[in-house]
Amino acid sequence: MDTLIDRFINHLSVEKGLSPNTLSAYAQDLQKLTEFIDQKGISGPDRIERKEILLFLSDLKRRALAASSTARILSTLRTFSNS
């Protein structure tokens, strides 16, 4: 998963010209997802299903993340899954 994240961040940097702060936030968001799926024993991104994403978002809510942070993470996941 780390290789995919690195490629994604590089793509956003080169092709989209996103700021270093935005790239860092995206990387942190995806690292949170990586840690979550590792804890659940999911072996790779191709094994992540809708139910895991919903569980991940529920976990974020349980941790009392601000709604704006959760929205940004969801945006990151959408962008990552569409790349």
PDB file of N, CA and C in Angstrom:
ATOM      1  N   MET A   1       0.833  -1.190   0.000  1.00  0.00           N
ATOM      2  CA  MET A   1       0.000   0.000   0.000  1.00  0.00           C
ATOM      3  C   MET A   1       0.880   1.257   0.000  1.00  0.00           C
ATOM      4  N   ASP A   2       2.023   1.184   0.694  1.00  0.00           N
ATOM      5  CA  ASP A   2       2.896   2.353   0.755  1.00  0.00           C
ATOM      6  C   ASP A   2       3.365   2.795  -0.630  1.00  0.00           C
ATOM      7  N   THR A   3       3.653   1.838  -1.487  1.00  0.00           N
ATOM      8  CA  THR A   3       4.088   2.168  -2.849  1.00  0.00           C
ATOM      9  C   THR A   3       2.976   2.881  -3.606  1.00  0.00           C
ATOM     10  N   LEU A   4       1.745   2.407  -3.457  1.00  0.00           N
ATOM     11  CA  LEU A   4       0.603   3.056  -4.119  1.00  0.00           C
ATOM     12  C   LEU A   4       0.406   4.477  -3.605  1.00  0.00           C
ATOM     13  N   ILE A   5       0.558   4.645  -2.310  1.00  0.00           N
ATOM     14  CA  ILE A   5       0.398   5.985  -1.725  1.00  0.00           C
ATOM     15  C   ILE A   5       1.487   6.909  -2.251  1.00  0.00           C
ATOM     16  N   ASP A   6       2.721   6.424  -2.288  1.00  0.00           N
ATOM     17  CA  ASP A   6       3.822   7.244  -2.805  1.00  0.00           C
ATOM     18  C   ASP A   6       3.580   7.660  -4.248  1.00  0.00           C
ATOM     19  N   ARG A   7       3.114   6.728  -5.055  1.00  0.00           N
ATOM     20  CA  ARG A   7       2.811   7.054  -6.464  1.00  0.00           C
ATOM     21  C   ARG A   7       1.679   8.079  -6.563  1.00  0.00           C
ATOM     22  N   PHE A   8       0.679   7.904  -5.734  1.00  0.00           N
ATOM     23  CA  PHE A   8      -0.467   8.816  -5.721  1.00  0.00           C
ATOM     24  C   PHE A   8      -0.024  10.224  -5.326  1.00  0.00           C
ATOM     25  N   ILE A   9       0.755  10.327  -4.267  1.00  0.00           N
ATOM     26  CA  ILE A   9       1.233  11.634  -3.804  1.00  0.00           C
ATOM     27  C   ILE A   9       2.118  12.269  -4.865  1.00  0.00           C
ATOM     28  N   ASN A  10       2.981  11.481  -5.498  1.00  0.00           N
ATOM     29  CA  ASN A  10       3.825  11.997  -6.566  1.00  0.00           C
ATOM     30  C   ASN A  10       2.977  12.506  -7.730  1.00  0.00           C
ATOM     31  N   HIS A  11       1.955  11.753  -8.095  1.00  0.00           N
ATOM     32  CA  HIS A  11       1.037  12.162  -9.168  1.00  0.00           C
ATOM     33  C   HIS A  11       0.384  13.509  -8.830  1.00  0.00           C
ATOM     34  N   LEU A  12      -0.091  13.637  -7.602  1.00  0.00           N
ATOM     35  CA  LEU A  12      -0.738  14.885  -7.201  1.00  0.00           C
ATOM     36  C   LEU A  12       0.238  16.048  -7.221  1.00  0.00           C
ATOM     37  N   SER A  13       1.470  15.774  -6.867  1.00  0.00           N
ATOM     38  CA  SER A  13       2.487  16.817  -6.857  1.00  0.00           C
ATOM     39  C   SER A  13       2.838  17.266  -8.275  1.00  0.00           C
ATOM     40  N   VAL A  14       3.129  16.287  -9.134  1.00  0.00           N
ATOM     41  CA  VAL A  14       3.598  16.587 -10.490  1.00  0.00           C
ATOM     42  C   VAL A  14       2.456  17.039 -11.398  1.00  0.00           C
ATOM     43  N   GLU A  15       1.375  16.272 -11.425  1.00  0.00           N
ATOM     44  CA  GLU A  15       0.298  16.533 -12.371  1.00  0.00           C
ATOM     45  C   GLU A  15      -0.680  17.612 -11.909  1.00  0.00           C
ATOM     46  N   LYS A  16      -0.924  17.672 -10.625  1.00  0.00           N
ATOM     47  CA  LYS A  16      -1.923  18.606 -10.110  1.00  0.00           C
ATOM     48  C   LYS A  16      -1.296  19.840  -9.463  1.00  0.00           C
ATOM     49  N   GLY A  17      -0.008  19.759  -9.144  1.00  0.00           N
ATOM     50  CA  GLY A  17       0.683  20.897  -8.551  1.00  0.00           C
ATOM     51  C   GLY A  17       0.164  21.290  -7.175  1.00  0.00           C
ATOM     52  N   LEU A  18      -0.271  20.302  -6.399  1.00  0.00           N
ATOM     53  CA  LEU A  18      -0.815  20.609  -5.072  1.00  0.00           C
ATOM     54  C   LEU A  18       0.296  21.056  -4.129  1.00  0.00           C
ATOM     55  N   SER A  19      -0.084  21.830  -3.141  1.00  0.00           N
ATOM     56  CA  SER A  19       0.878  22.376  -2.185  1.00  0.00           C
ATOM     57  C   SER A  19       1.448  21.272  -1.298  1.00  0.00           C
ATOM     58  N   PRO A  20       2.637  21.501  -0.753  1.00  0.00           N
ATOM     59  CA  PRO A  20       3.221  20.517   0.170  1.00  0.00           C
ATOM     60  C   PRO A  20       2.317  20.212   1.365  1.00  0.00           C
ATOM     61  N   ASN A  21       1.617  21.207   1.877  1.00  0.00           N
ATOM     62  CA  ASN A  21       0.712  20.981   3.011  1.00  0.00           C
ATOM     63  C   ASN A  21      -0.442  20.059   2.629  1.00  0.00           C
ATOM     64  N   THR A  22      -0.991  20.261   1.453  1.00  0.00           N
ATOM     65  CA  THR A  22      -2.086  19.410   0.975  1.00  0.00           C
ATOM     66  C   THR A  22      -1.591  17.985   0.755  1.00  0.00           C
ATOM     67  N   LEU A  23      -0.425  17.860   0.152  1.00  0.00           N
ATOM     68  CA  LEU A  23       0.149  16.534  -0.080  1.00  0.00           C
ATOM     69  C   LEU A  23       0.399  15.807   1.234  1.00  0.00           C
ATOM     70  N   SER A  24       0.887  16.534   2.210  1.00  0.00           N
ATOM     71  CA  SER A  24       1.129  15.945   3.529  1.00  0.00           C
ATOM     72  C   SER A  24      -0.174  15.483   4.175  1.00  0.00           C
ATOM     73  N   ALA A  25      -1.207  16.290   4.069  1.00  0.00           N
ATOM     74  CA  ALA A  25      -2.515  15.926   4.638  1.00  0.00           C
ATOM     75  C   ALA A  25      -3.059  14.684   3.951  1.00  0.00           C
ATOM     76  N   TYR A  26      -2.954  14.609   2.620  1.00  0.00           N
ATOM     77  CA  TYR A  26      -3.416  13.431   1.890  1.00  0.00           C
ATOM     78  C   TYR A  26      -2.644  12.190   2.333  1.00  0.00           C
ATOM     79  N   ALA A  27      -1.334  12.318   2.465  1.00  0.00           N
ATOM     80  CA  ALA A  27      -0.510  11.185   2.879  1.00  0.00           C
ATOM     81  C   ALA A  27      -0.900  10.716   4.285  1.00  0.00           C
ATOM     82  N   GLN A  28      -1.142  11.657   5.189  1.00  0.00           N
ATOM     83  CA  GLN A  28      -1.549  11.305   6.547  1.00  0.00           C
ATOM     84  C   GLN A  28      -2.914  10.610   6.553  1.00  0.00           C
ATOM     85  N   ASP A  29      -3.830  11.105   5.738  1.00  0.00           N
ATOM     86  CA  ASP A  29      -5.154  10.481   5.638  1.00  0.00           C
ATOM     87  C   ASP A  29      -5.042   9.032   5.178  1.00  0.00           C
ATOM     88  N   LEU A  30      -4.238   8.816   4.163  1.00  0.00           N
ATOM     89  CA  LEU A  30      -4.088   7.469   3.623  1.00  0.00           C
ATOM     90  C   LEU A  30      -3.319   6.563   4.584  1.00  0.00           C
ATOM     91  N   GLN A  31      -2.428   7.154   5.379  1.00  0.00           N
ATOM     92  CA  GLN A  31      -1.733   6.370   6.394  1.00  0.00           C
ATOM     93  C   GLN A  31      -2.711   5.896   7.467  1.00  0.00           C
ATOM     94  N   LYS A  32      -3.670   6.740   7.816  1.00  0.00           N
ATOM     95  CA  LYS A  32      -4.718   6.334   8.769  1.00  0.00           C
ATOM     96  C   LYS A  32      -5.493   5.136   8.235  1.00  0.00           C
ATOM     97  N   LEU A  33      -5.843   5.188   6.951  1.00  0.00           N
ATOM     98  CA  LEU A  33      -6.554   4.066   6.338  1.00  0.00           C
ATOM     99  C   LEU A  33      -5.684   2.817   6.344  1.00  0.00           C
ATOM    100  N   THR A  34      -4.416   2.968   6.006  1.00  0.00           N
ATOM    101  CA  THR A  34      -3.495   1.833   5.984  1.00  0.00           C
ATOM    102  C   THR A  34      -3.413   1.171   7.354  1.00  0.00           C
ATOM    103  N   GLU A  35      -3.283   1.962   8.392  1.00  0.00           N
ATOM    104  CA  GLU A  35      -3.220   1.421   9.745  1.00  0.00           C
ATOM    105  C   GLU A  35      -4.511   0.697  10.105  1.00  0.00           C
ATOM    106  N   PHE A  36      -5.627   1.271   9.699  1.00  0.00           N
ATOM    107  CA  PHE A  36      -6.926   0.658   9.987  1.00  0.00           C
ATOM    108  C   PHE A  36      -7.061  -0.699   9.296  1.00  0.00           C
ATOM    109  N   ILE A  37      -6.742  -0.758   8.012  1.00  0.00           N
ATOM    110  CA  ILE A  37      -6.908  -2.031   7.298  1.00  0.00           C
ATOM    111  C   ILE A  37      -5.897  -3.069   7.777  1.00  0.00           C
ATOM    112  N   ASP A  38      -4.712  -2.614   8.183  1.00  0.00           N
ATOM    113  CA  ASP A  38      -3.739  -3.549   8.759  1.00  0.00           C
ATOM    114  C   ASP A  38      -4.296  -4.174  10.038  1.00  0.00           C
ATOM    115  N   GLN A  39      -4.930  -3.360  10.872  1.00  0.00           N
ATOM    116  CA  GLN A  39      -5.523  -3.858  12.118  1.00  0.00           C
ATOM    117  C   GLN A  39      -6.638  -4.858  11.844  1.00  0.00           C
ATOM    118  N   LYS A  40      -7.336  -4.667  10.741  1.00  0.00           N
ATOM    119  CA  LYS A  40      -8.435  -5.560  10.382  1.00  0.00           C
ATOM    120  C   LYS A  40      -7.960  -6.797   9.623  1.00  0.00           C
ATOM    121  N   GLY A  41      -6.658  -6.870   9.338  1.00  0.00           N
ATOM    122  CA  GLY A  41      -6.116  -8.027   8.642  1.00  0.00           C
ATOM    123  C   GLY A  41      -6.387  -8.048   7.155  1.00  0.00           C
ATOM    124  N   ILE A  42      -6.662  -6.894   6.577  1.00  0.00           N
ATOM    125  CA  ILE A  42      -6.920  -6.808   5.135  1.00  0.00           C
ATOM    126  C   ILE A  42      -5.570  -6.691   4.438  1.00  0.00           C
ATOM    127  N   SER A  43      -5.334  -7.568   3.476  1.00  0.00           N
ATOM    128  CA  SER A  43      -4.000  -7.725   2.901  1.00  0.00           C
ATOM    129  C   SER A  43      -3.618  -6.704   1.836  1.00  0.00           C
ATOM    130  N   GLY A  44      -4.551  -6.002   1.272  1.00  0.00           N
ATOM    131  CA  GLY A  44      -4.190  -5.049   0.229  1.00  0.00           C
ATOM    132  C   GLY A  44      -5.356  -4.189  -0.185  1.00  0.00           C
ATOM    133  N   PRO A  45      -5.062  -3.133  -0.939  1.00  0.00           N
ATOM    134  CA  PRO A  45      -6.120  -2.201  -1.327  1.00  0.00           C
ATOM    135  C   PRO A  45      -7.206  -2.823  -2.190  1.00  0.00           C
ATOM    136  N   ASP A  46      -6.860  -3.868  -2.935  1.00  0.00           N
ATOM    137  CA  ASP A  46      -7.867  -4.522  -3.770  1.00  0.00           C
ATOM    138  C   ASP A  46      -8.867  -5.317  -2.939  1.00  0.00           C
ATOM    139  N   ARG A  47      -8.595  -5.486  -1.665  1.00  0.00           N
ATOM    140  CA  ARG A  47      -9.488  -6.217  -0.761  1.00  0.00           C
ATOM    141  C   ARG A  47     -10.383  -5.287   0.060  1.00  0.00           C
ATOM    142  N   ILE A  48     -10.179  -3.994  -0.088  1.00  0.00           N
ATOM    143  CA  ILE A  48     -10.987  -3.032   0.662  1.00  0.00           C
ATOM    144  C   ILE A  48     -12.347  -2.900  -0.014  1.00  0.00           C
ATOM    145  N   GLU A  49     -13.375  -3.148   0.759  1.00  0.00           N
ATOM    146  CA  GLU A  49     -14.739  -3.044   0.239  1.00  0.00           C
ATOM    147  C   GLU A  49     -15.459  -1.888   0.924  1.00  0.00           C
ATOM    148  N   ARG A  50     -16.641  -1.624   0.452  1.00  0.00           N
ATOM    149  CA  ARG A  50     -17.447  -0.523   0.992  1.00  0.00           C
ATOM    150  C   ARG A  50     -17.617  -0.630   2.508  1.00  0.00           C
ATOM    151  N   LYS A  51     -17.844  -1.847   2.990  1.00  0.00           N
ATOM    152  CA  LYS A  51     -18.075  -2.027   4.424  1.00  0.00           C
ATOM    153  C   LYS A  51     -16.846  -1.621   5.239  1.00  0.00           C
ATOM    154  N   GLU A  52     -15.632  -1.878   4.716  1.00  0.00           N
ATOM    155  CA  GLU A  52     -14.427  -1.469   5.430  1.00  0.00           C
ATOM    156  C   GLU A  52     -14.296   0.060   5.473  1.00  0.00           C
ATOM    157  N   ILE A  53     -14.667   0.709   4.382  1.00  0.00           N
ATOM    158  CA  ILE A  53     -14.623   2.175   4.362  1.00  0.00           C
ATOM    159  C   ILE A  53     -15.613   2.738   5.375  1.00  0.00           C
ATOM    160  N   LEU A  54     -16.810   2.151   5.439  1.00  0.00           N
ATOM    161  CA  LEU A  54     -17.800   2.605   6.418  1.00  0.00           C
ATOM    162  C   LEU A  54     -17.320   2.376   7.846  1.00  0.00           C
ATOM    163  N   LEU A  55     -16.680   1.238   8.085  1.00  0.00           N
ATOM    164  CA  LEU A  55     -16.112   0.972   9.411  1.00  0.00           C
ATOM    165  C   LEU A  55     -14.995   1.972   9.738  1.00  0.00           C
ATOM    166  N   PHE A  56     -14.184   2.277   8.754  1.00  0.00           N
ATOM    167  CA  PHE A  56     -13.113   3.260   8.927  1.00  0.00           C
ATOM    168  C   PHE A  56     -13.688   4.622   9.284  1.00  0.00           C
ATOM    169  N   LEU A  57     -14.709   5.050   8.560  1.00  0.00           N
ATOM    170  CA  LEU A  57     -15.338   6.343   8.851  1.00  0.00           C
ATOM    171  C   LEU A  57     -15.997   6.342  10.228  1.00  0.00           C
ATOM    172  N   SER A  58     -16.581   5.221  10.611  1.00  0.00           N
ATOM    173  CA  SER A  58     -17.157   5.108  11.958  1.00  0.00           C
ATOM    174  C   SER A  58     -16.071   5.218  13.020  1.00  0.00           C
ATOM    175  N   ASP A  59     -14.930   4.620  12.735  1.00  0.00           N
ATOM    176  CA  ASP A  59     -13.810   4.697  13.664  1.00  0.00           C
ATOM    177  C   ASP A  59     -13.323   6.141  13.813  1.00  0.00           C
ATOM    178  N   LEU A  60     -13.285   6.859  12.715  1.00  0.00           N
ATOM    179  CA  LEU A  60     -12.891   8.269  12.777  1.00  0.00           C
ATOM    180  C   LEU A  60     -13.876   9.069  13.626  1.00  0.00           C
ATOM    181  N   LYS A  61     -15.155   8.780  13.443  1.00  0.00           N
ATOM    182  CA  LYS A  61     -16.180   9.472  14.221  1.00  0.00           C
ATOM    183  C   LYS A  61     -16.038   9.153  15.707  1.00  0.00           C
ATOM    184  N   ARG A  62     -15.743   7.891  16.002  1.00  0.00           N
ATOM    185  CA  ARG A  62     -15.561   7.466  17.390  1.00  0.00           C
ATOM    186  C   ARG A  62     -14.395   8.209  18.038  1.00  0.00           C
ATOM    187  N   ARG A  63     -13.377   8.519  17.231  1.00  0.00           N
ATOM    188  CA  ARG A  63     -12.219   9.252  17.741  1.00  0.00           C
ATOM    189  C   ARG A  63     -12.484  10.746  17.853  1.00  0.00           C
ATOM    190  N   ALA A  64     -13.705  11.144  17.567  1.00  0.00           N
ATOM    191  CA  ALA A  64     -14.151  12.542  17.694  1.00  0.00           C
ATOM    192  C   ALA A  64     -13.356  13.496  16.806  1.00  0.00           C
ATOM    193  N   LEU A  65     -13.050  13.061  15.600  1.00  0.00           N
ATOM    194  CA  LEU A  65     -12.437  13.976  14.637  1.00  0.00           C
ATOM    195  C   LEU A  65     -13.455  15.023  14.233  1.00  0.00           C
ATOM    196  N   ALA A  66     -12.976  16.194  13.949  1.00  0.00           N
ATOM    197  CA  ALA A  66     -13.861  17.266  13.485  1.00  0.00           C
ATOM    198  C   ALA A  66     -14.519  16.835  12.176  1.00  0.00           C
ATOM    199  N   ALA A  67     -15.721  17.313  11.957  1.00  0.00           N
ATOM    200  CA  ALA A  67     -16.452  16.975  10.731  1.00  0.00           C
ATOM    201  C   ALA A  67     -15.652  17.384   9.495  1.00  0.00           C
ATOM    202  N   SER A  68     -14.959  18.510   9.572  1.00  0.00           N
ATOM    203  CA  SER A  68     -14.164  18.965   8.426  1.00  0.00           C
ATOM    204  C   SER A  68     -13.005  18.014   8.142  1.00  0.00           C
ATOM    205  N   SER A  69     -12.400  17.450   9.187  1.00  0.00           N
ATOM    206  CA  SER A  69     -11.315  16.482   8.994  1.00  0.00           C
ATOM    207  C   SER A  69     -11.834  15.201   8.367  1.00  0.00           C
ATOM    208  N   THR A  70     -12.978  14.738   8.851  1.00  0.00           N
ATOM    209  CA  THR A  70     -13.584  13.534   8.287  1.00  0.00           C
ATOM    210  C   THR A  70     -13.956  13.755   6.825  1.00  0.00           C
ATOM    211  N   ALA A  71     -14.472  14.923   6.506  1.00  0.00           N
ATOM    212  CA  ALA A  71     -14.836  15.239   5.120  1.00  0.00           C
ATOM    213  C   ALA A  71     -13.596  15.257   4.227  1.00  0.00           C
ATOM    214  N   ARG A  72     -12.485  15.807   4.738  1.00  0.00           N
ATOM    215  CA  ARG A  72     -11.258  15.843   3.944  1.00  0.00           C
ATOM    216  C   ARG A  72     -10.743  14.422   3.713  1.00  0.00           C
ATOM    217  N   ILE A  73     -10.802  13.581   4.749  1.00  0.00           N
ATOM    218  CA  ILE A  73     -10.359  12.196   4.606  1.00  0.00           C
ATOM    219  C   ILE A  73     -11.211  11.469   3.570  1.00  0.00           C
ATOM    220  N   LEU A  74     -12.503  11.685   3.615  1.00  0.00           N
ATOM    221  CA  LEU A  74     -13.390  11.063   2.628  1.00  0.00           C
ATOM    222  C   LEU A  74     -13.050  11.552   1.220  1.00  0.00           C
ATOM    223  N   SER A  75     -12.770  12.829   1.082  1.00  0.00           N
ATOM    224  CA  SER A  75     -12.355  13.380  -0.211  1.00  0.00           C
ATOM    225  C   SER A  75     -11.050  12.743  -0.681  1.00  0.00           C
ATOM    226  N   THR A  76     -10.121  12.574   0.240  1.00  0.00           N
ATOM    227  CA  THR A  76      -8.852  11.918  -0.080  1.00  0.00           C
ATOM    228  C   THR A  76      -9.097  10.510  -0.591  1.00  0.00           C
ATOM    229  N   LEU A  77      -9.958   9.765   0.099  1.00  0.00           N
ATOM    230  CA  LEU A  77     -10.251   8.387  -0.302  1.00  0.00           C
ATOM    231  C   LEU A  77     -10.887   8.329  -1.684  1.00  0.00           C
ATOM    232  N   ARG A  78     -11.784   9.263  -1.948  1.00  0.00           N
ATOM    233  CA  ARG A  78     -12.414   9.298  -3.286  1.00  0.00           C
ATOM    234  C   ARG A  78     -11.383   9.569  -4.361  1.00  0.00           C
ATOM    235  N   THR A  79     -10.532  10.551  -4.130  1.00  0.00           N
ATOM    236  CA  THR A  79      -9.511  10.904  -5.100  1.00  0.00           C
ATOM    237  C   THR A  79      -8.549   9.731  -5.323  1.00  0.00           C
ATOM    238  N   PHE A  80      -8.147   9.103  -4.226  1.00  0.00           N
ATOM    239  CA  PHE A  80      -7.220   7.962  -4.301  1.00  0.00           C
ATOM    240  C   PHE A  80      -7.852   6.798  -5.064  1.00  0.00           C
ATOM    241  N   SER A  81      -9.100   6.499  -4.794  1.00  0.00           N
ATOM    242  CA  SER A  81      -9.750   5.355  -5.432  1.00  0.00           C
ATOM    243  C   SER A  81     -10.028   5.604  -6.916  1.00  0.00           C
ATOM    244  N   ASN A  82     -10.099   6.877  -7.300  1.00  0.00           N
ATOM    245  CA  ASN A  82     -10.353   7.204  -8.707  1.00  0.00           C
ATOM    246  C   ASN A  82      -9.090   7.419  -9.512  1.00  0.00           C
ATOM    247  N   SER A  83      -7.938   7.310  -8.856  1.00  0.00           N
ATOM    248  CA  SER A  83      -6.682   7.565  -9.589  1.00  0.00           C
ATOM    249  C   SER A  83      -6.123   6.291 -10.189  1.00  0.00           C
TER     250      SER A  83
END
